Amino acid sequence: MDITIRPARQAEFDVIGDLVVEVYLADGLLTFGESDAYLPVLRDVARRAEHAEVLVAADATSDAVLGAVTFAAYGSAFAELAGPGEGEFRMLAVRPEGRGRGIGEALVRACMDRARALGLRAMVLSSQQLLLPAHRLYRRLGFERAEERDWEPVPDVTLWAFTRELGSQPS
């Protein structure tokens, strides 16, 4: 693979925040567009890194950040859906020019590996209903819909929940 998955560096926080915001806006994931109240949360990588783990996919040659994800274990300020013994990932974003290279999958697998390393038994995630390509990836990696855990972060925005039990072996 021509990417490296690693922890985000403080010097990259602004780049990562811009990347996540750009992807969310371009993919239509923010109900209120550029005035969405979630934008400052997406940009604030320093806060995420303080309370969770921010991982990046970097080009193996140039070290340019091509994608990012936030991993949070139960009890973290960034764990919205995870219960005891669970981890979750949030804010997964891949630059358009990096898509089709396995970056999203590598970031999700890194989160699952991190959860296993912490002794967690399962992973959970929330996803917007329209993200069908992402849903295919999640299902391919063993995640299943958990309709009973769907939720609304704001009125009239329902996020779908997905869960996956973790074995001790990498998947």
N, C-alpha and C. Protein backbone atom coordinates (compact mmCIF):
# COMPACT_ATOMS: atom_id res chain seq x y z
N MET A 1 0.85 -1.18 0.00
CA MET A 1 0.00 0.00 0.00
C MET A 1 0.89 1.24 0.00
N ASP A 2 0.45 2.26 -0.64
CA ASP A 2 1.25 3.47 -0.76
C ASP A 2 0.84 4.55 0.24
N ILE A 3 0.25 4.13 1.37
CA ILE A 3 -0.11 5.06 2.44
C ILE A 3 0.40 4.52 3.77
N THR A 4 0.53 5.43 4.71
CA THR A 4 0.92 5.08 6.07
C THR A 4 -0.16 5.59 7.01
N ILE A 5 -0.61 4.74 7.92
CA ILE A 5 -1.57 5.15 8.94
C ILE A 5 -0.77 5.45 10.19
N ARG A 6 -0.98 6.65 10.74
CA ARG A 6 -0.22 7.07 11.92
C ARG A 6 -1.03 8.10 12.70
N PRO A 7 -0.61 8.35 13.96
CA PRO A 7 -1.26 9.42 14.72
C PRO A 7 -1.03 10.78 14.05
N ALA A 8 -2.01 11.63 14.17
CA ALA A 8 -1.88 12.99 13.63
C ALA A 8 -0.82 13.74 14.43
N ARG A 9 -0.12 14.61 13.72
CA ARG A 9 0.88 15.48 14.36
C ARG A 9 0.24 16.84 14.61
N GLN A 10 0.63 17.46 15.69
CA GLN A 10 0.05 18.76 16.05
C GLN A 10 0.18 19.77 14.90
N ALA A 11 1.28 19.74 14.19
CA ALA A 11 1.49 20.68 13.08
C ALA A 11 0.49 20.44 11.94
N GLU A 12 -0.18 19.30 11.93
CA GLU A 12 -1.15 18.97 10.87
C GLU A 12 -2.59 19.28 11.25
N PHE A 13 -2.83 19.69 12.48
CA PHE A 13 -4.21 19.85 12.95
C PHE A 13 -5.03 20.76 12.04
N ASP A 14 -4.49 21.89 11.62
CA ASP A 14 -5.25 22.80 10.75
C ASP A 14 -5.54 22.13 9.40
N VAL A 15 -4.57 21.44 8.85
CA VAL A 15 -4.76 20.73 7.57
C VAL A 15 -5.86 19.68 7.71
N ILE A 16 -5.84 18.94 8.80
CA ILE A 16 -6.84 17.89 9.03
C ILE A 16 -8.22 18.51 9.20
N GLY A 17 -8.31 19.57 9.99
CA GLY A 17 -9.60 20.25 10.17
C GLY A 17 -10.16 20.74 8.85
N ASP A 18 -9.32 21.35 8.03
CA ASP A 18 -9.76 21.82 6.72
C ASP A 18 -10.20 20.66 5.84
N LEU A 19 -9.44 19.57 5.87
CA LEU A 19 -9.78 18.38 5.08
C LEU A 19 -11.15 17.85 5.45
N VAL A 20 -11.40 17.67 6.74
CA VAL A 20 -12.69 17.11 7.18
C VAL A 20 -13.83 18.05 6.79
N VAL A 21 -13.66 19.34 7.00
CA VAL A 21 -14.71 20.30 6.64
C VAL A 21 -14.96 20.27 5.13
N GLU A 22 -13.91 20.31 4.34
CA GLU A 22 -14.06 20.29 2.88
C GLU A 22 -14.80 19.05 2.40
N VAL A 23 -14.46 17.89 2.94
CA VAL A 23 -15.11 16.64 2.53
C VAL A 23 -16.58 16.65 2.96
N TYR A 24 -16.85 17.05 4.19
CA TYR A 24 -18.24 17.08 4.66
C TYR A 24 -19.09 18.04 3.82
N LEU A 25 -18.54 19.20 3.51
CA LEU A 25 -19.28 20.16 2.68
C LEU A 25 -19.48 19.63 1.26
N ALA A 26 -18.41 19.13 0.64
CA ALA A 26 -18.48 18.65 -0.74
C ALA A 26 -19.42 17.46 -0.88
N ASP A 27 -19.47 16.61 0.14
CA ASP A 27 -20.32 15.42 0.09
C ASP A 27 -21.74 15.68 0.59
N GLY A 28 -22.05 16.93 0.93
CA GLY A 28 -23.40 17.28 1.36
C GLY A 28 -23.78 16.70 2.71
N LEU A 29 -22.82 16.57 3.61
CA LEU A 29 -23.07 15.92 4.90
C LEU A 29 -23.48 16.89 6.00
N LEU A 30 -23.50 18.18 5.68
CA LEU A 30 -23.88 19.17 6.68
C LEU A 30 -25.22 19.79 6.29
N THR A 31 -26.22 19.56 7.10
CA THR A 31 -27.58 19.99 6.81
C THR A 31 -27.66 21.48 6.48
N PHE A 32 -26.87 22.29 7.17
CA PHE A 32 -26.96 23.73 7.00
C PHE A 32 -25.75 24.30 6.26
N GLY A 33 -25.06 23.45 5.51
CA GLY A 33 -23.94 23.90 4.68
C GLY A 33 -22.89 24.64 5.47
N GLU A 34 -22.42 25.74 4.90
CA GLU A 34 -21.33 26.49 5.53
C GLU A 34 -21.74 27.22 6.80
N SER A 35 -23.04 27.24 7.11
CA SER A 35 -23.48 27.85 8.37
C SER A 35 -23.82 26.79 9.42
N ASP A 36 -23.48 25.53 9.14
CA ASP A 36 -23.80 24.44 10.06
C ASP A 36 -23.02 24.59 11.38
N ALA A 37 -23.71 24.40 12.47
CA ALA A 37 -23.09 24.53 13.80
C ALA A 37 -22.04 23.45 14.07
N TYR A 38 -22.02 22.39 13.26
CA TYR A 38 -21.06 21.31 13.45
C TYR A 38 -19.68 21.65 12.86
N LEU A 39 -19.61 22.67 12.00
CA LEU A 39 -18.33 23.03 11.37
C LEU A 39 -17.21 23.31 12.38
N PRO A 40 -17.44 24.09 13.42
CA PRO A 40 -16.35 24.33 14.37
C PRO A 40 -15.86 23.05 15.05
N VAL A 41 -16.75 22.10 15.28
CA VAL A 41 -16.36 20.82 15.89
C VAL A 41 -15.46 20.05 14.92
N LEU A 42 -15.83 20.05 13.65
CA LEU A 42 -15.02 19.36 12.65
C LEU A 42 -13.64 19.98 12.51
N ARG A 43 -13.56 21.30 12.63
CA ARG A 43 -12.27 22.00 12.49
C ARG A 43 -11.36 21.85 13.71
N ASP A 44 -11.93 21.61 14.87
CA ASP A 44 -11.18 21.63 16.13
C ASP A 44 -10.47 20.29 16.39
N VAL A 45 -9.44 20.03 15.61
CA VAL A 45 -8.68 18.79 15.73
C VAL A 45 -7.91 18.77 17.05
N ALA A 46 -7.45 19.90 17.50
CA ALA A 46 -6.70 19.95 18.76
C ALA A 46 -7.56 19.41 19.91
N ARG A 47 -8.81 19.80 19.97
CA ARG A 47 -9.70 19.30 21.03
C ARG A 47 -9.93 17.81 20.88
N ARG A 48 -10.13 17.34 19.64
CA ARG A 48 -10.32 15.90 19.43
C ARG A 48 -9.09 15.13 19.89
N ALA A 49 -7.92 15.63 19.53
CA ALA A 49 -6.68 14.94 19.89
C ALA A 49 -6.46 14.94 21.41
N GLU A 50 -7.03 15.91 22.10
CA GLU A 50 -6.91 15.97 23.55
C GLU A 50 -7.79 14.93 24.23
N HIS A 51 -8.94 14.60 23.62
CA HIS A 51 -9.93 13.73 24.25
C HIS A 51 -10.13 12.40 23.53
N ALA A 52 -9.48 12.20 22.40
CA ALA A 52 -9.64 10.98 21.60
C ALA A 52 -8.34 10.80 20.83
N GLU A 53 -8.34 9.91 19.85
CA GLU A 53 -7.16 9.68 19.03
C GLU A 53 -7.48 10.04 17.58
N VAL A 54 -6.68 10.91 17.01
CA VAL A 54 -6.87 11.30 15.62
C VAL A 54 -5.78 10.59 14.82
N LEU A 55 -6.22 9.79 13.86
CA LEU A 55 -5.32 9.06 12.98
C LEU A 55 -5.39 9.65 11.58
N VAL A 56 -4.27 9.60 10.88
CA VAL A 56 -4.25 10.07 9.49
C VAL A 56 -3.73 8.97 8.58
N ALA A 57 -4.15 9.06 7.33
CA ALA A 57 -3.57 8.28 6.25
C ALA A 57 -2.71 9.26 5.48
N ALA A 58 -1.41 9.00 5.45
CA ALA A 58 -0.48 9.89 4.78
C ALA A 58 0.13 9.18 3.57
N ASP A 59 0.33 9.93 2.52
CA ASP A 59 1.00 9.39 1.34
C ASP A 59 2.39 8.91 1.76
N ALA A 60 2.73 7.69 1.39
CA ALA A 60 3.99 7.09 1.83
C ALA A 60 5.20 7.83 1.29
N THR A 61 5.06 8.50 0.16
CA THR A 61 6.19 9.21 -0.44
C THR A 61 6.27 10.65 0.04
N SER A 62 5.17 11.39 -0.08
CA SER A 62 5.19 12.82 0.24
C SER A 62 4.83 13.13 1.69
N ASP A 63 4.20 12.18 2.40
CA ASP A 63 3.69 12.33 3.76
C ASP A 63 2.50 13.29 3.82
N ALA A 64 1.92 13.64 2.67
CA ALA A 64 0.74 14.50 2.64
C ALA A 64 -0.45 13.76 3.25
N VAL A 65 -1.25 14.46 4.02
CA VAL A 65 -2.43 13.87 4.65
C VAL A 65 -3.52 13.69 3.60
N LEU A 66 -3.93 12.43 3.42
CA LEU A 66 -4.96 12.09 2.44
C LEU A 66 -6.30 11.75 3.09
N GLY A 67 -6.27 11.44 4.36
CA GLY A 67 -7.49 11.09 5.07
C GLY A 67 -7.27 11.14 6.56
N ALA A 68 -8.38 11.16 7.31
CA ALA A 68 -8.29 11.22 8.77
C ALA A 68 -9.52 10.59 9.39
N VAL A 69 -9.37 10.19 10.63
CA VAL A 69 -10.48 9.62 11.40
C VAL A 69 -10.20 9.88 12.87
N THR A 70 -11.26 9.94 13.66
CA THR A 70 -11.14 10.08 15.10
C THR A 70 -11.63 8.80 15.75
N PHE A 71 -10.78 8.20 16.59
CA PHE A 71 -11.13 7.00 17.35
C PHE A 71 -11.38 7.41 18.79
N ALA A 72 -12.50 6.94 19.35
CA ALA A 72 -12.83 7.25 20.74
C ALA A 72 -13.34 6.00 21.43
N ALA A 73 -12.80 5.71 22.58
CA ALA A 73 -13.29 4.60 23.39
C ALA A 73 -14.41 5.11 24.30
N TYR A 74 -15.24 4.19 24.78
CA TYR A 74 -16.31 4.53 25.71
C TYR A 74 -15.74 5.40 26.84
N GLY A 75 -16.46 6.45 27.18
CA GLY A 75 -16.05 7.35 28.24
C GLY A 75 -15.33 8.58 27.74
N SER A 76 -14.87 8.55 26.49
CA SER A 76 -14.22 9.71 25.89
C SER A 76 -15.27 10.78 25.63
N ALA A 77 -14.84 12.03 25.66
CA ALA A 77 -15.73 13.14 25.34
C ALA A 77 -16.24 13.04 23.89
N PHE A 78 -15.57 12.24 23.05
CA PHE A 78 -15.97 12.11 21.65
C PHE A 78 -16.67 10.81 21.34
N ALA A 79 -16.95 10.01 22.35
CA ALA A 79 -17.71 8.78 22.14
C ALA A 79 -19.19 9.10 22.31
N GLU A 80 -19.88 9.17 21.19
CA GLU A 80 -21.31 9.51 21.23
C GLU A 80 -22.19 8.28 21.36
N LEU A 81 -21.77 7.18 20.80
CA LEU A 81 -22.60 5.99 20.70
C LEU A 81 -22.03 4.81 21.49
N ALA A 82 -20.73 4.79 21.72
CA ALA A 82 -20.07 3.66 22.36
C ALA A 82 -20.55 3.48 23.79
N GLY A 83 -20.78 2.22 24.14
CA GLY A 83 -21.10 1.86 25.51
C GLY A 83 -19.90 1.18 26.14
N PRO A 84 -20.04 0.67 27.34
CA PRO A 84 -18.93 -0.03 28.00
C PRO A 84 -18.39 -1.15 27.10
N GLY A 85 -17.07 -1.21 26.99
CA GLY A 85 -16.43 -2.25 26.19
C GLY A 85 -16.42 -1.98 24.70
N GLU A 86 -16.83 -0.78 24.31
CA GLU A 86 -16.89 -0.44 22.88
C GLU A 86 -16.03 0.77 22.55
N GLY A 87 -15.59 0.79 21.31
CA GLY A 87 -14.94 1.95 20.74
C GLY A 87 -15.77 2.41 19.56
N GLU A 88 -15.52 3.61 19.12
CA GLU A 88 -16.21 4.09 17.92
C GLU A 88 -15.27 4.97 17.13
N PHE A 89 -15.59 5.11 15.87
CA PHE A 89 -14.85 6.08 15.08
C PHE A 89 -15.81 7.08 14.52
N ARG A 90 -15.28 8.29 14.32
CA ARG A 90 -16.08 9.42 13.86
C ARG A 90 -15.26 10.24 12.90
N MET A 91 -15.95 11.09 12.18
CA MET A 91 -15.32 12.10 11.33
C MET A 91 -14.32 11.49 10.36
N LEU A 92 -14.69 10.37 9.78
CA LEU A 92 -13.86 9.73 8.75
C LEU A 92 -13.98 10.55 7.47
N ALA A 93 -12.83 10.97 6.93
CA ALA A 93 -12.83 11.77 5.71
C ALA A 93 -11.61 11.42 4.88
N VAL A 94 -11.83 11.29 3.57
CA VAL A 94 -10.75 11.01 2.63
C VAL A 94 -10.83 12.04 1.51
N ARG A 95 -9.69 12.65 1.19
CA ARG A 95 -9.65 13.61 0.09
C ARG A 95 -10.16 12.94 -1.18
N PRO A 96 -10.88 13.67 -2.03
CA PRO A 96 -11.38 13.09 -3.28
C PRO A 96 -10.26 12.44 -4.11
N GLU A 97 -9.10 13.07 -4.17
CA GLU A 97 -8.00 12.51 -4.97
C GLU A 97 -7.39 11.26 -4.33
N GLY A 98 -7.74 10.98 -3.08
CA GLY A 98 -7.24 9.79 -2.41
C GLY A 98 -8.22 8.63 -2.42
N ARG A 99 -9.42 8.86 -2.90
CA ARG A 99 -10.44 7.81 -2.90
C ARG A 99 -10.11 6.72 -3.91
N GLY A 100 -10.51 5.51 -3.57
CA GLY A 100 -10.24 4.38 -4.44
C GLY A 100 -8.88 3.74 -4.18
N ARG A 101 -8.18 4.22 -3.16
CA ARG A 101 -6.86 3.69 -2.83
C ARG A 101 -6.88 2.84 -1.56
N GLY A 102 -8.06 2.62 -1.00
CA GLY A 102 -8.16 1.83 0.23
C GLY A 102 -7.90 2.62 1.49
N ILE A 103 -7.92 3.95 1.38
CA ILE A 103 -7.61 4.80 2.53
C ILE A 103 -8.69 4.70 3.61
N GLY A 104 -9.94 4.80 3.22
CA GLY A 104 -11.02 4.70 4.20
C GLY A 104 -10.98 3.37 4.92
N GLU A 105 -10.80 2.29 4.16
CA GLU A 105 -10.73 0.96 4.78
C GLU A 105 -9.54 0.86 5.73
N ALA A 106 -8.40 1.38 5.33
CA ALA A 106 -7.21 1.31 6.19
C ALA A 106 -7.43 2.08 7.49
N LEU A 107 -8.10 3.22 7.42
CA LEU A 107 -8.38 4.00 8.63
C LEU A 107 -9.36 3.27 9.55
N VAL A 108 -10.39 2.65 8.97
CA VAL A 108 -11.34 1.89 9.79
C VAL A 108 -10.64 0.70 10.45
N ARG A 109 -9.83 -0.02 9.68
CA ARG A 109 -9.09 -1.16 10.24
C ARG A 109 -8.15 -0.71 11.36
N ALA A 110 -7.53 0.44 11.21
CA ALA A 110 -6.65 0.96 12.26
C ALA A 110 -7.44 1.23 13.53
N CYS A 111 -8.65 1.73 13.39
CA CYS A 111 -9.51 1.95 14.57
C CYS A 111 -9.87 0.63 15.22
N MET A 112 -10.20 -0.37 14.42
CA MET A 112 -10.53 -1.68 14.99
C MET A 112 -9.32 -2.27 15.70
N ASP A 113 -8.14 -2.13 15.12
CA ASP A 113 -6.91 -2.62 15.76
C ASP A 113 -6.66 -1.90 17.08
N ARG A 114 -6.91 -0.59 17.10
CA ARG A 114 -6.73 0.19 18.32
C ARG A 114 -7.70 -0.29 19.40
N ALA A 115 -8.94 -0.55 19.01
CA ALA A 115 -9.93 -1.03 19.97
C ALA A 115 -9.51 -2.39 20.54
N ARG A 116 -9.04 -3.28 19.68
CA ARG A 116 -8.56 -4.58 20.17
C ARG A 116 -7.41 -4.41 21.15
N ALA A 117 -6.48 -3.52 20.81
CA ALA A 117 -5.32 -3.28 21.67
C ALA A 117 -5.74 -2.79 23.05
N LEU A 118 -6.86 -2.10 23.12
CA LEU A 118 -7.39 -1.60 24.39
C LEU A 118 -8.26 -2.64 25.09
N GLY A 119 -8.43 -3.81 24.47
CA GLY A 119 -9.25 -4.87 25.06
C GLY A 119 -10.73 -4.67 24.89
N LEU A 120 -11.14 -3.82 23.94
CA LEU A 120 -12.56 -3.57 23.72
C LEU A 120 -13.17 -4.73 22.95
N ARG A 121 -14.45 -4.96 23.15
CA ARG A 121 -15.12 -6.11 22.53
C ARG A 121 -15.85 -5.78 21.25
N ALA A 122 -16.09 -4.48 20.99
CA ALA A 122 -16.89 -4.12 19.82
C ALA A 122 -16.57 -2.70 19.36
N MET A 123 -16.96 -2.44 18.11
CA MET A 123 -16.86 -1.11 17.52
C MET A 123 -18.25 -0.68 17.11
N VAL A 124 -18.51 0.61 17.21
CA VAL A 124 -19.77 1.19 16.76
C VAL A 124 -19.46 2.44 15.94
N LEU A 125 -20.42 2.83 15.13
CA LEU A 125 -20.29 4.06 14.37
C LEU A 125 -21.65 4.57 13.99
N SER A 126 -21.70 5.86 13.71
CA SER A 126 -22.91 6.51 13.21
C SER A 126 -22.62 6.97 11.80
N SER A 127 -23.64 6.91 10.95
CA SER A 127 -23.47 7.32 9.57
C SER A 127 -24.76 7.94 9.05
N GLN A 128 -24.59 8.92 8.20
CA GLN A 128 -25.77 9.47 7.55
C GLN A 128 -26.33 8.45 6.57
N GLN A 129 -27.62 8.47 6.41
CA GLN A 129 -28.31 7.49 5.57
C GLN A 129 -27.87 7.53 4.12
N LEU A 130 -27.46 8.67 3.63
CA LEU A 130 -27.13 8.81 2.21
C LEU A 130 -25.74 8.29 1.84
N LEU A 131 -24.95 7.89 2.81
CA LEU A 131 -23.57 7.48 2.54
C LEU A 131 -23.48 6.01 2.12
N LEU A 132 -24.12 5.67 1.04
CA LEU A 132 -24.17 4.27 0.61
C LEU A 132 -22.80 3.66 0.32
N PRO A 133 -21.85 4.38 -0.30
CA PRO A 133 -20.52 3.77 -0.49
C PRO A 133 -19.85 3.43 0.85
N ALA A 134 -20.01 4.31 1.83
CA ALA A 134 -19.44 4.03 3.15
C ALA A 134 -20.12 2.83 3.78
N HIS A 135 -21.43 2.72 3.62
CA HIS A 135 -22.16 1.58 4.19
C HIS A 135 -21.67 0.27 3.59
N ARG A 136 -21.37 0.28 2.29
CA ARG A 136 -20.82 -0.94 1.65
C ARG A 136 -19.48 -1.30 2.27
N LEU A 137 -18.64 -0.31 2.51
CA LEU A 137 -17.36 -0.56 3.16
C LEU A 137 -17.58 -1.14 4.55
N TYR A 138 -18.44 -0.53 5.34
CA TYR A 138 -18.66 -1.00 6.70
C TYR A 138 -19.17 -2.45 6.70
N ARG A 139 -20.10 -2.75 5.81
CA ARG A 139 -20.62 -4.12 5.75
C ARG A 139 -19.53 -5.10 5.32
N ARG A 140 -18.71 -4.70 4.37
CA ARG A 140 -17.61 -5.57 3.92
C ARG A 140 -16.64 -5.86 5.08
N LEU A 141 -16.50 -4.92 6.00
CA LEU A 141 -15.62 -5.09 7.14
C LEU A 141 -16.32 -5.75 8.34
N GLY A 142 -17.56 -6.20 8.13
CA GLY A 142 -18.25 -6.95 9.18
C GLY A 142 -19.19 -6.15 10.06
N PHE A 143 -19.39 -4.88 9.77
CA PHE A 143 -20.33 -4.08 10.54
C PHE A 143 -21.75 -4.41 10.09
N GLU A 144 -22.66 -4.39 11.04
CA GLU A 144 -24.08 -4.62 10.75
C GLU A 144 -24.89 -3.45 11.26
N ARG A 145 -26.01 -3.19 10.58
CA ARG A 145 -26.91 -2.13 11.03
C ARG A 145 -27.46 -2.48 12.40
N ALA A 146 -27.56 -1.48 13.24
CA ALA A 146 -28.12 -1.62 14.59
C ALA A 146 -29.20 -0.56 14.74
N GLU A 147 -30.34 -0.81 14.10
CA GLU A 147 -31.41 0.19 14.05
C GLU A 147 -31.84 0.68 15.42
N GLU A 148 -31.75 -0.20 16.41
CA GLU A 148 -32.16 0.18 17.76
C GLU A 148 -31.24 1.25 18.37
N ARG A 149 -30.10 1.50 17.72
CA ARG A 149 -29.16 2.51 18.22
C ARG A 149 -29.12 3.75 17.34
N ASP A 150 -29.97 3.82 16.32
CA ASP A 150 -30.06 5.03 15.50
C ASP A 150 -30.41 6.20 16.42
N TRP A 151 -29.96 7.40 16.06
CA TRP A 151 -30.21 8.55 16.93
C TRP A 151 -30.21 9.84 16.13
N GLU A 152 -30.68 10.91 16.77
CA GLU A 152 -30.77 12.23 16.15
C GLU A 152 -29.88 13.21 16.91
N PRO A 153 -28.75 13.62 16.31
CA PRO A 153 -27.91 14.62 16.98
C PRO A 153 -28.59 15.99 17.03
N VAL A 154 -29.41 16.26 16.03
CA VAL A 154 -30.24 17.46 15.98
C VAL A 154 -31.59 17.03 15.40
N PRO A 155 -32.65 17.77 15.68
CA PRO A 155 -33.96 17.37 15.16
C PRO A 155 -33.94 17.17 13.64
N ASP A 156 -34.60 16.12 13.21
CA ASP A 156 -34.78 15.80 11.79
C ASP A 156 -33.51 15.32 11.08
N VAL A 157 -32.46 15.00 11.83
CA VAL A 157 -31.25 14.40 11.25
C VAL A 157 -31.04 13.08 11.98
N THR A 158 -31.41 11.98 11.33
CA THR A 158 -31.26 10.66 11.93
C THR A 158 -29.99 10.01 11.42
N LEU A 159 -29.14 9.61 12.35
CA LEU A 159 -27.92 8.89 12.00
C LEU A 159 -28.15 7.40 12.21
N TRP A 160 -27.70 6.63 11.24
CA TRP A 160 -27.80 5.18 11.33
C TRP A 160 -26.62 4.66 12.14
N ALA A 161 -26.89 3.66 12.96
CA ALA A 161 -25.84 3.03 13.76
C ALA A 161 -25.44 1.70 13.12
N PHE A 162 -24.15 1.41 13.22
CA PHE A 162 -23.57 0.15 12.78
C PHE A 162 -22.71 -0.38 13.92
N THR A 163 -22.67 -1.70 14.08
CA THR A 163 -21.84 -2.30 15.13
C THR A 163 -21.07 -3.48 14.55
N ARG A 164 -19.99 -3.82 15.24
CA ARG A 164 -19.19 -4.99 14.86
C ARG A 164 -18.51 -5.52 16.10
N GLU A 165 -18.72 -6.81 16.37
CA GLU A 165 -17.98 -7.46 17.44
C GLU A 165 -16.54 -7.62 16.99
N LEU A 166 -15.62 -7.53 17.93
CA LEU A 166 -14.19 -7.66 17.62
C LEU A 166 -13.67 -8.96 18.21
N GLY A 167 -12.96 -9.72 17.42
CA GLY A 167 -12.24 -10.86 17.92
C GLY A 167 -10.84 -10.40 18.29
N SER A 168 -10.04 -11.32 18.73
CA SER A 168 -8.67 -10.96 19.08
C SER A 168 -7.77 -10.85 17.86
N GLN A 169 -8.23 -11.36 16.73
CA GLN A 169 -7.44 -11.34 15.52
C GLN A 169 -7.77 -10.14 14.65
N PRO A 170 -6.77 -9.54 14.00
CA PRO A 170 -7.07 -8.47 13.05
C PRO A 170 -7.94 -9.03 11.92
N SER A 171 -8.81 -8.20 11.40
CA SER A 171 -9.69 -8.66 10.32
C SER A 171 -9.16 -8.30 8.96
